[in-house]
Amino acid sequence: MLLLALPGPLVAVGTLAMIGTGYGLVSGSTAAAIGVYWGAGQYGRIAGRLYAAWCVAAVTLPVVAGWLFDRTGGYVWAIMLAAGGNLLGIVIAASLPRR
């Protein structure tokens, strides 16, 4: 929202830094959660699957968003797709048993 309100290089650097910080926090806490839920014996298998899935998403979702933009002329459906993925992640995370 900040970048939309105040477009410019300094704001872009700040928003990208916030995105990177958020990604780092999520990645680190995910790695910790894998250790808590699956233990050291399963860590490599579970983490490998998760990070491979993240890589596939990082490659395919921008392509799908571009395709949706070409078809619709806007980003509404790409944003809806991202929001749906985030909502699904929240539901899955909320359904994990407490430790």
PDB file of N, CA and C in Angstrom:
ATOM      1  N   MET A   1       0.832  -1.190   0.000  1.00  0.00           N
ATOM      2  CA  MET A   1       0.000   0.000   0.000  1.00  0.00           C
ATOM      3  C   MET A   1       0.874   1.250   0.000  1.00  0.00           C
ATOM      4  N   LEU A   2       1.981   1.175   0.738  1.00  0.00           N
ATOM      5  CA  LEU A   2       2.880   2.323   0.802  1.00  0.00           C
ATOM      6  C   LEU A   2       3.471   2.628  -0.570  1.00  0.00           C
ATOM      7  N   LEU A   3       3.858   1.601  -1.290  1.00  0.00           N
ATOM      8  CA  LEU A   3       4.433   1.794  -2.622  1.00  0.00           C
ATOM      9  C   LEU A   3       3.397   2.326  -3.599  1.00  0.00           C
ATOM     10  N   LEU A   4       2.153   1.919  -3.435  1.00  0.00           N
ATOM     11  CA  LEU A   4       1.095   2.461  -4.293  1.00  0.00           C
ATOM     12  C   LEU A   4       0.850   3.942  -3.997  1.00  0.00           C
ATOM     13  N   ALA A   5       0.913   4.293  -2.727  1.00  0.00           N
ATOM     14  CA  ALA A   5       0.642   5.673  -2.337  1.00  0.00           C
ATOM     15  C   ALA A   5       1.800   6.604  -2.675  1.00  0.00           C
ATOM     16  N   LEU A   6       3.029   6.123  -2.520  1.00  0.00           N
ATOM     17  CA  LEU A   6       4.217   6.957  -2.740  1.00  0.00           C
ATOM     18  C   LEU A   6       5.221   6.240  -3.642  1.00  0.00           C
ATOM     19  N   PRO A   7       4.913   6.095  -4.924  1.00  0.00           N
ATOM     20  CA  PRO A   7       5.844   5.371  -5.798  1.00  0.00           C
ATOM     21  C   PRO A   7       7.159   6.135  -5.938  1.00  0.00           C
ATOM     22  N   GLY A   8       8.230   5.419  -5.895  1.00  0.00           N
ATOM     23  CA  GLY A   8       9.543   6.015  -6.034  1.00  0.00           C
ATOM     24  C   GLY A   8      10.621   5.031  -5.617  1.00  0.00           C
ATOM     25  N   PRO A   9      11.868   5.314  -5.957  1.00  0.00           N
ATOM     26  CA  PRO A   9      12.933   4.342  -5.677  1.00  0.00           C
ATOM     27  C   PRO A   9      13.196   4.120  -4.196  1.00  0.00           C
ATOM     28  N   LEU A  10      13.152   5.154  -3.384  1.00  0.00           N
ATOM     29  CA  LEU A  10      13.416   4.966  -1.955  1.00  0.00           C
ATOM     30  C   LEU A  10      12.325   4.147  -1.275  1.00  0.00           C
ATOM     31  N   VAL A  11      11.089   4.415  -1.633  1.00  0.00           N
ATOM     32  CA  VAL A  11       9.975   3.636  -1.069  1.00  0.00           C
ATOM     33  C   VAL A  11      10.052   2.196  -1.574  1.00  0.00           C
ATOM     34  N   ALA A  12      10.443   2.011  -2.831  1.00  0.00           N
ATOM     35  CA  ALA A  12      10.574   0.658  -3.377  1.00  0.00           C
ATOM     36  C   ALA A  12      11.632  -0.140  -2.617  1.00  0.00           C
ATOM     37  N   VAL A  13      12.762   0.495  -2.305  1.00  0.00           N
ATOM     38  CA  VAL A  13      13.807  -0.193  -1.540  1.00  0.00           C
ATOM     39  C   VAL A  13      13.283  -0.572  -0.156  1.00  0.00           C
ATOM     40  N   GLY A  14      12.583   0.352   0.492  1.00  0.00           N
ATOM     41  CA  GLY A  14      12.018   0.055   1.807  1.00  0.00           C
ATOM     42  C   GLY A  14      11.007  -1.071   1.779  1.00  0.00           C
ATOM     43  N   THR A  15      10.119  -1.055   0.785  1.00  0.00           N
ATOM     44  CA  THR A  15       9.109  -2.116   0.719  1.00  0.00           C
ATOM     45  C   THR A  15       9.739  -3.458   0.373  1.00  0.00           C
ATOM     46  N   LEU A  16      10.740  -3.452  -0.491  1.00  0.00           N
ATOM     47  CA  LEU A  16      11.432  -4.710  -0.796  1.00  0.00           C
ATOM     48  C   LEU A  16      12.173  -5.238   0.431  1.00  0.00           C
ATOM     49  N   ALA A  17      12.718  -4.345   1.232  1.00  0.00           N
ATOM     50  CA  ALA A  17      13.374  -4.773   2.468  1.00  0.00           C
ATOM     51  C   ALA A  17      12.364  -5.402   3.421  1.00  0.00           C
ATOM     52  N   MET A  18      11.166  -4.825   3.506  1.00  0.00           N
ATOM     53  CA  MET A  18      10.128  -5.408   4.362  1.00  0.00           C
ATOM     54  C   MET A  18       9.688  -6.771   3.850  1.00  0.00           C
ATOM     55  N   ILE A  19       9.573  -6.910   2.531  1.00  0.00           N
ATOM     56  CA  ILE A  19       9.207  -8.205   1.949  1.00  0.00           C
ATOM     57  C   ILE A  19      10.291  -9.237   2.255  1.00  0.00           C
ATOM     58  N   GLY A  20      11.548  -8.855   2.096  1.00  0.00           N
ATOM     59  CA  GLY A  20      12.653  -9.770   2.386  1.00  0.00           C
ATOM     60  C   GLY A  20      12.701 -10.168   3.845  1.00  0.00           C
ATOM     61  N   THR A  21      12.456  -9.223   4.728  1.00  0.00           N
ATOM     62  CA  THR A  21      12.427  -9.524   6.155  1.00  0.00           C
ATOM     63  C   THR A  21      11.295 -10.490   6.477  1.00  0.00           C
ATOM     64  N   GLY A  22      10.133 -10.234   5.898  1.00  0.00           N
ATOM     65  CA  GLY A  22       9.000 -11.133   6.102  1.00  0.00           C
ATOM     66  C   GLY A  22       9.294 -12.532   5.594  1.00  0.00           C
ATOM     67  N   TYR A  23       9.900 -12.628   4.417  1.00  0.00           N
ATOM     68  CA  TYR A  23      10.241 -13.941   3.878  1.00  0.00           C
ATOM     69  C   TYR A  23      11.244 -14.643   4.786  1.00  0.00           C
ATOM     70  N   GLY A  24      12.222 -13.911   5.278  1.00  0.00           N
ATOM     71  CA  GLY A  24      13.203 -14.512   6.175  1.00  0.00           C
ATOM     72  C   GLY A  24      12.578 -15.028   7.456  1.00  0.00           C
ATOM     73  N   LEU A  25      11.656 -14.248   8.025  1.00  0.00           N
ATOM     74  CA  LEU A  25      10.971 -14.687   9.237  1.00  0.00           C
ATOM     75  C   LEU A  25      10.130 -15.932   8.989  1.00  0.00           C
ATOM     76  N   VAL A  26       9.409 -15.946   7.873  1.00  0.00           N
ATOM     77  CA  VAL A  26       8.572 -17.109   7.558  1.00  0.00           C
ATOM     78  C   VAL A  26       9.437 -18.337   7.280  1.00  0.00           C
ATOM     79  N   SER A  27      10.509 -18.150   6.534  1.00  0.00           N
ATOM     80  CA  SER A  27      11.383 -19.276   6.213  1.00  0.00           C
ATOM     81  C   SER A  27      12.031 -19.844   7.474  1.00  0.00           C
ATOM     82  N   GLY A  28      12.506 -18.972   8.343  1.00  0.00           N
ATOM     83  CA  GLY A  28      13.135 -19.438   9.580  1.00  0.00           C
ATOM     84  C   GLY A  28      12.163 -20.109  10.522  1.00  0.00           C
ATOM     85  N   SER A  29      10.983 -19.538  10.668  1.00  0.00           N
ATOM     86  CA  SER A  29      10.007 -20.151  11.572  1.00  0.00           C
ATOM     87  C   SER A  29       9.468 -21.454  10.987  1.00  0.00           C
ATOM     88  N   THR A  30       9.419 -21.550   9.668  1.00  0.00           N
ATOM     89  CA  THR A  30       9.005 -22.809   9.043  1.00  0.00           C
ATOM     90  C   THR A  30      10.033 -23.899   9.317  1.00  0.00           C
ATOM     91  N   ALA A  31      11.298 -23.555   9.196  1.00  0.00           N
ATOM     92  CA  ALA A  31      12.353 -24.532   9.485  1.00  0.00           C
ATOM     93  C   ALA A  31      12.268 -24.986  10.938  1.00  0.00           C
ATOM     94  N   ALA A  32      12.022 -24.062  11.847  1.00  0.00           N
ATOM     95  CA  ALA A  32      11.879 -24.430  13.254  1.00  0.00           C
ATOM     96  C   ALA A  32      10.653 -25.309  13.471  1.00  0.00           C
ATOM     97  N   ALA A  33       9.556 -24.981  12.811  1.00  0.00           N
ATOM     98  CA  ALA A  33       8.328 -25.773  12.964  1.00  0.00           C
ATOM     99  C   ALA A  33       8.523 -27.193  12.454  1.00  0.00           C
ATOM    100  N   ILE A  34       9.271 -27.357  11.387  1.00  0.00           N
ATOM    101  CA  ILE A  34       9.539 -28.708  10.884  1.00  0.00           C
ATOM    102  C   ILE A  34      10.270 -29.518  11.951  1.00  0.00           C
ATOM    103  N   GLY A  35      11.248 -28.903  12.602  1.00  0.00           N
ATOM    104  CA  GLY A  35      11.972 -29.595  13.661  1.00  0.00           C
ATOM    105  C   GLY A  35      11.083 -29.960  14.830  1.00  0.00           C
ATOM    106  N   VAL A  36      10.129 -29.088  15.168  1.00  0.00           N
ATOM    107  CA  VAL A  36       9.237 -29.345  16.295  1.00  0.00           C
ATOM    108  C   VAL A  36       8.220 -30.433  15.952  1.00  0.00           C
ATOM    109  N   TYR A  37       7.604 -30.343  14.778  1.00  0.00           N
ATOM    110  CA  TYR A  37       6.525 -31.265  14.436  1.00  0.00           C
ATOM    111  C   TYR A  37       7.016 -32.622  13.947  1.00  0.00           C
ATOM    112  N   TRP A  38       8.127 -32.664  13.207  1.00  0.00           N
ATOM    113  CA  TRP A  38       8.573 -33.918  12.628  1.00  0.00           C
ATOM    114  C   TRP A  38       9.883 -34.426  13.203  1.00  0.00           C
ATOM    115  N   GLY A  39      10.591 -33.618  13.949  1.00  0.00           N
ATOM    116  CA  GLY A  39      11.828 -34.046  14.590  1.00  0.00           C
ATOM    117  C   GLY A  39      13.017 -34.086  13.642  1.00  0.00           C
ATOM    118  N   ALA A  40      14.169 -34.309  14.236  1.00  0.00           N
ATOM    119  CA  ALA A  40      15.420 -34.284  13.473  1.00  0.00           C
ATOM    120  C   ALA A  40      15.493 -35.410  12.444  1.00  0.00           C
ATOM    121  N   GLY A  41      14.913 -36.554  12.763  1.00  0.00           N
ATOM    122  CA  GLY A  41      14.972 -37.702  11.859  1.00  0.00           C
ATOM    123  C   GLY A  41      14.232 -37.491  10.542  1.00  0.00           C
ATOM    124  N   GLN A  42      13.202 -36.681  10.563  1.00  0.00           N
ATOM    125  CA  GLN A  42      12.396 -36.439   9.369  1.00  0.00           C
ATOM    126  C   GLN A  42      12.682 -35.075   8.733  1.00  0.00           C
ATOM    127  N   TYR A  43      13.569 -34.308   9.363  1.00  0.00           N
ATOM    128  CA  TYR A  43      13.758 -32.919   8.956  1.00  0.00           C
ATOM    129  C   TYR A  43      14.122 -32.781   7.480  1.00  0.00           C
ATOM    130  N   GLY A  44      15.107 -33.526   7.020  1.00  0.00           N
ATOM    131  CA  GLY A  44      15.563 -33.397   5.631  1.00  0.00           C
ATOM    132  C   GLY A  44      14.469 -33.716   4.624  1.00  0.00           C
ATOM    133  N   ARG A  45      13.724 -34.764   4.884  1.00  0.00           N
ATOM    134  CA  ARG A  45      12.667 -35.174   3.956  1.00  0.00           C
ATOM    135  C   ARG A  45      11.566 -34.128   3.882  1.00  0.00           C
ATOM    136  N   ILE A  46      11.085 -33.656   5.022  1.00  0.00           N
ATOM    137  CA  ILE A  46       9.991 -32.689   5.048  1.00  0.00           C
ATOM    138  C   ILE A  46      10.457 -31.333   4.527  1.00  0.00           C
ATOM    139  N   ALA A  47      11.609 -30.865   4.983  1.00  0.00           N
ATOM    140  CA  ALA A  47      12.121 -29.564   4.536  1.00  0.00           C
ATOM    141  C   ALA A  47      12.394 -29.582   3.041  1.00  0.00           C
ATOM    142  N   GLY A  48      12.937 -30.665   2.529  1.00  0.00           N
ATOM    143  CA  GLY A  48      13.195 -30.773   1.092  1.00  0.00           C
ATOM    144  C   GLY A  48      11.925 -30.663   0.275  1.00  0.00           C
ATOM    145  N   ARG A  49      10.897 -31.339   0.707  1.00  0.00           N
ATOM    146  CA  ARG A  49       9.617 -31.258  -0.002  1.00  0.00           C
ATOM    147  C   ARG A  49       9.033 -29.851   0.045  1.00  0.00           C
ATOM    148  N   LEU A  50       9.099 -29.250   1.228  1.00  0.00           N
ATOM    149  CA  LEU A  50       8.531 -27.916   1.382  1.00  0.00           C
ATOM    150  C   LEU A  50       9.280 -26.889   0.544  1.00  0.00           C
ATOM    151  N   TYR A  51      10.602 -26.889   0.604  1.00  0.00           N
ATOM    152  CA  TYR A  51      11.373 -25.909  -0.151  1.00  0.00           C
ATOM    153  C   TYR A  51      11.280 -26.161  -1.659  1.00  0.00           C
ATOM    154  N   ALA A  52      11.164 -27.411  -2.073  1.00  0.00           N
ATOM    155  CA  ALA A  52      10.946 -27.698  -3.499  1.00  0.00           C
ATOM    156  C   ALA A  52       9.589 -27.153  -3.952  1.00  0.00           C
ATOM    157  N   ALA A  53       8.566 -27.300  -3.105  1.00  0.00           N
ATOM    158  CA  ALA A  53       7.243 -26.753  -3.436  1.00  0.00           C
ATOM    159  C   ALA A  53       7.291 -25.228  -3.515  1.00  0.00           C
ATOM    160  N   TRP A  54       8.025 -24.583  -2.614  1.00  0.00           N
ATOM    161  CA  TRP A  54       8.180 -23.126  -2.671  1.00  0.00           C
ATOM    162  C   TRP A  54       8.856 -22.696  -3.970  1.00  0.00           C
ATOM    163  N   CYS A  55       9.854 -23.466  -4.397  1.00  0.00           N
ATOM    164  CA  CYS A  55      10.541 -23.134  -5.649  1.00  0.00           C
ATOM    165  C   CYS A  55       9.603 -23.269  -6.847  1.00  0.00           C
ATOM    166  N   VAL A  56       8.820 -24.326  -6.874  1.00  0.00           N
ATOM    167  CA  VAL A  56       7.847 -24.503  -7.955  1.00  0.00           C
ATOM    168  C   VAL A  56       6.853 -23.344  -7.960  1.00  0.00           C
ATOM    169  N   ALA A  57       6.380 -22.957  -6.793  1.00  0.00           N
ATOM    170  CA  ALA A  57       5.444 -21.832  -6.707  1.00  0.00           C
ATOM    171  C   ALA A  57       6.100 -20.532  -7.155  1.00  0.00           C
ATOM    172  N   ALA A  58       7.364 -20.332  -6.795  1.00  0.00           N
ATOM    173  CA  ALA A  58       8.061 -19.099  -7.171  1.00  0.00           C
ATOM    174  C   ALA A  58       8.243 -18.988  -8.676  1.00  0.00           C
ATOM    175  N   VAL A  59       8.296 -20.112  -9.363  1.00  0.00           N
ATOM    176  CA  VAL A  59       8.440 -20.096 -10.818  1.00  0.00           C
ATOM    177  C   VAL A  59       7.080 -20.019 -11.511  1.00  0.00           C
ATOM    178  N   THR A  60       6.109 -20.778 -11.032  1.00  0.00           N
ATOM    179  CA  THR A  60       4.839 -20.873 -11.752  1.00  0.00           C
ATOM    180  C   THR A  60       3.864 -19.737 -11.452  1.00  0.00           C
ATOM    181  N   LEU A  61       3.803 -19.263 -10.226  1.00  0.00           N
ATOM    182  CA  LEU A  61       2.794 -18.258  -9.898  1.00  0.00           C
ATOM    183  C   LEU A  61       2.971 -16.942 -10.650  1.00  0.00           C
ATOM    184  N   PRO A  62       4.196 -16.429 -10.844  1.00  0.00           N
ATOM    185  CA  PRO A  62       4.307 -15.218 -11.679  1.00  0.00           C
ATOM    186  C   PRO A  62       3.863 -15.446 -13.123  1.00  0.00           C
ATOM    187  N   VAL A  63       4.114 -16.633 -13.637  1.00  0.00           N
ATOM    188  CA  VAL A  63       3.671 -16.951 -15.003  1.00  0.00           C
ATOM    189  C   VAL A  63       2.147 -16.997 -15.054  1.00  0.00           C
ATOM    190  N   VAL A  64       1.532 -17.629 -14.067  1.00  0.00           N
ATOM    191  CA  VAL A  64       0.069 -17.687 -14.007  1.00  0.00           C
ATOM    192  C   VAL A  64      -0.517 -16.286 -13.825  1.00  0.00           C
ATOM    193  N   ALA A  65       0.117 -15.462 -12.980  1.00  0.00           N
ATOM    194  CA  ALA A  65      -0.360 -14.085 -12.785  1.00  0.00           C
ATOM    195  C   ALA A  65      -0.271 -13.296 -14.094  1.00  0.00           C
ATOM    196  N   GLY A  66       0.806 -13.473 -14.842  1.00  0.00           N
ATOM    197  CA  GLY A  66       0.931 -12.810 -16.138  1.00  0.00           C
ATOM    198  C   GLY A  66      -0.118 -13.292 -17.125  1.00  0.00           C
ATOM    199  N   TRP A  67      -0.381 -14.582 -17.113  1.00  0.00           N
ATOM    200  CA  TRP A  67      -1.402 -15.137 -17.999  1.00  0.00           C
ATOM    201  C   TRP A  67      -2.773 -14.568 -17.641  1.00  0.00           C
ATOM    202  N   LEU A  68      -3.061 -14.507 -16.331  1.00  0.00           N
ATOM    203  CA  LEU A  68      -4.338 -13.932 -15.899  1.00  0.00           C
ATOM    204  C   LEU A  68      -4.434 -12.454 -16.283  1.00  0.00           C
ATOM    205  N   PHE A  69      -3.341 -11.720 -16.167  1.00  0.00           N
ATOM    206  CA  PHE A  69      -3.349 -10.319 -16.567  1.00  0.00           C
ATOM    207  C   PHE A  69      -3.623 -10.192 -18.070  1.00  0.00           C
ATOM    208  N   ASP A  70      -2.977 -11.035 -18.873  1.00  0.00           N
ATOM    209  CA  ASP A  70      -3.203 -10.999 -20.321  1.00  0.00           C
ATOM    210  C   ASP A  70      -4.649 -11.315 -20.680  1.00  0.00           C
ATOM    211  N   ARG A  71      -5.261 -12.213 -19.944  1.00  0.00           N
ATOM    212  CA  ARG A  71      -6.641 -12.608 -20.233  1.00  0.00           C
ATOM    213  C   ARG A  71      -7.658 -11.574 -19.755  1.00  0.00           C
ATOM    214  N   THR A  72      -7.380 -10.938 -18.624  1.00  0.00           N
ATOM    215  CA  THR A  72      -8.388 -10.064 -18.018  1.00  0.00           C
ATOM    216  C   THR A  72      -8.052  -8.579 -18.118  1.00  0.00           C
ATOM    217  N   GLY A  73      -6.797  -8.236 -18.369  1.00  0.00           N
ATOM    218  CA  GLY A  73      -6.402  -6.837 -18.444  1.00  0.00           C
ATOM    219  C   GLY A  73      -6.189  -6.188 -17.086  1.00  0.00           C
ATOM    220  N   GLY A  74      -6.151  -6.981 -16.018  1.00  0.00           N
ATOM    221  CA  GLY A  74      -5.955  -6.440 -14.675  1.00  0.00           C
ATOM    222  C   GLY A  74      -5.368  -7.494 -13.758  1.00  0.00           C
ATOM    223  N   TYR A  75      -5.076  -7.076 -12.558  1.00  0.00           N
ATOM    224  CA  TYR A  75      -4.455  -7.963 -11.580  1.00  0.00           C
ATOM    225  C   TYR A  75      -5.432  -8.522 -10.565  1.00  0.00           C
ATOM    226  N   VAL A  76      -6.715  -8.270 -10.730  1.00  0.00           N
ATOM    227  CA  VAL A  76      -7.695  -8.691  -9.732  1.00  0.00           C
ATOM    228  C   VAL A  76      -7.645 -10.198  -9.495  1.00  0.00           C
ATOM    229  N   TRP A  77      -7.652 -10.986 -10.560  1.00  0.00           N
ATOM    230  CA  TRP A  77      -7.682 -12.439 -10.387  1.00  0.00           C
ATOM    231  C   TRP A  77      -6.357 -12.983  -9.887  1.00  0.00           C
ATOM    232  N   ALA A  78      -5.249 -12.340 -10.258  1.00  0.00           N
ATOM    233  CA  ALA A  78      -3.955 -12.760  -9.725  1.00  0.00           C
ATOM    234  C   ALA A  78      -3.900 -12.502  -8.220  1.00  0.00           C
ATOM    235  N   ILE A  79      -4.419 -11.370  -7.791  1.00  0.00           N
ATOM    236  CA  ILE A  79      -4.457 -11.056  -6.363  1.00  0.00           C
ATOM    237  C   ILE A  79      -5.401 -12.007  -5.640  1.00  0.00           C
ATOM    238  N   MET A  80      -6.525 -12.334  -6.258  1.00  0.00           N
ATOM    239  CA  MET A  80      -7.463 -13.282  -5.648  1.00  0.00           C
ATOM    240  C   MET A  80      -6.816 -14.662  -5.505  1.00  0.00           C
ATOM    241  N   LEU A  81      -6.037 -15.074  -6.495  1.00  0.00           N
ATOM    242  CA  LEU A  81      -5.331 -16.352  -6.420  1.00  0.00           C
ATOM    243  C   LEU A  81      -4.333 -16.336  -5.265  1.00  0.00           C
ATOM    244  N   ALA A  82      -3.567 -15.259  -5.138  1.00  0.00           N
ATOM    245  CA  ALA A  82      -2.609 -15.141  -4.031  1.00  0.00           C
ATOM    246  C   ALA A  82      -3.332 -15.113  -2.690  1.00  0.00           C
ATOM    247  N   ALA A  83      -4.427 -14.389  -2.611  1.00  0.00           N
ATOM    248  CA  ALA A  83      -5.191 -14.325  -1.360  1.00  0.00           C
ATOM    249  C   ALA A  83      -5.738 -15.701  -0.990  1.00  0.00           C
ATOM    250  N   GLY A  84      -6.220 -16.439  -1.980  1.00  0.00           N
ATOM    251  CA  GLY A  84      -6.715 -17.793  -1.719  1.00  0.00           C
ATOM    252  C   GLY A  84      -5.611 -18.716  -1.218  1.00  0.00           C
ATOM    253  N   GLY A  85      -4.427 -18.605  -1.800  1.00  0.00           N
ATOM    254  CA  GLY A  85      -3.290 -19.405  -1.332  1.00  0.00           C
ATOM    255  C   GLY A  85      -2.903 -19.054   0.087  1.00  0.00           C
ATOM    256  N   ASN A  86      -2.916 -17.760   0.396  1.00  0.00           N
ATOM    257  CA  ASN A  86      -2.605 -17.329   1.764  1.00  0.00           C
ATOM    258  C   ASN A  86      -3.660 -17.806   2.744  1.00  0.00           C
ATOM    259  N   LEU A  87      -4.912 -17.723   2.367  1.00  0.00           N
ATOM    260  CA  LEU A  87      -5.990 -18.197   3.231  1.00  0.00           C
ATOM    261  C   LEU A  87      -5.870 -19.699   3.478  1.00  0.00           C
ATOM    262  N   LEU A  88      -5.561 -20.451   2.433  1.00  0.00           N
ATOM    263  CA  LEU A  88      -5.356 -21.887   2.591  1.00  0.00           C
ATOM    264  C   LEU A  88      -4.207 -22.172   3.560  1.00  0.00           C
ATOM    265  N   GLY A  89      -3.121 -21.420   3.440  1.00  0.00           N
ATOM    266  CA  GLY A  89      -1.997 -21.585   4.349  1.00  0.00           C
ATOM    267  C   GLY A  89      -2.368 -21.290   5.787  1.00  0.00           C
ATOM    268  N   ILE A  90      -3.177 -20.254   5.995  1.00  0.00           N
ATOM    269  CA  ILE A  90      -3.624 -19.909   7.343  1.00  0.00           C
ATOM    270  C   ILE A  90      -4.483 -21.032   7.925  1.00  0.00           C
ATOM    271  N   VAL A  91      -5.381 -21.571   7.110  1.00  0.00           N
ATOM    272  CA  VAL A  91      -6.250 -22.655   7.581  1.00  0.00           C
ATOM    273  C   VAL A  91      -5.422 -23.880   7.950  1.00  0.00           C
ATOM    274  N   ILE A  92      -4.443 -24.216   7.117  1.00  0.00           N
ATOM    275  CA  ILE A  92      -3.592 -25.386   7.404  1.00  0.00           C
ATOM    276  C   ILE A  92      -2.780 -25.139   8.670  1.00  0.00           C
ATOM    277  N   ALA A  93      -2.196 -23.936   8.789  1.00  0.00           N
ATOM    278  CA  ALA A  93      -1.399 -23.634   9.983  1.00  0.00           C
ATOM    279  C   ALA A  93      -2.243 -23.653  11.242  1.00  0.00           C
ATOM    280  N   ALA A  94      -3.452 -23.155  11.150  1.00  0.00           N
ATOM    281  CA  ALA A  94      -4.343 -23.133  12.318  1.00  0.00           C
ATOM    282  C   ALA A  94      -4.800 -24.539  12.711  1.00  0.00           C
ATOM    283  N   SER A  95      -4.785 -25.456  11.760  1.00  0.00           N
ATOM    284  CA  SER A  95      -5.228 -26.815  12.061  1.00  0.00           C
ATOM    285  C   SER A  95      -4.124 -27.703  12.628  1.00  0.00           C
ATOM    286  N   LEU A  96      -2.879 -27.215  12.645  1.00  0.00           N
ATOM    287  CA  LEU A  96      -1.792 -28.008  13.213  1.00  0.00           C
ATOM    288  C   LEU A  96      -2.016 -28.151  14.719  1.00  0.00           C
ATOM    289  N   PRO A  97      -1.691 -29.305  15.258  1.00  0.00           N
ATOM    290  CA  PRO A  97      -1.866 -29.489  16.700  1.00  0.00           C
ATOM    291  C   PRO A  97      -0.898 -28.620  17.482  1.00  0.00           C
ATOM    292  N   ARG A  98      -1.310 -28.197  18.659  1.00  0.00           N
ATOM    293  CA  ARG A  98      -0.462 -27.374  19.525  1.00  0.00           C
ATOM    294  C   ARG A  98       0.645 -28.234  20.117  1.00  0.00           C
ATOM    295  N   ARG A  99       1.808 -27.654  20.305  1.00  0.00           N
ATOM    296  CA  ARG A  99       2.942 -28.366  20.916  1.00  0.00           C
ATOM    297  C   ARG A  99       3.372 -27.608  22.135  1.00  0.00           C
TER     298      ARG A  99
END
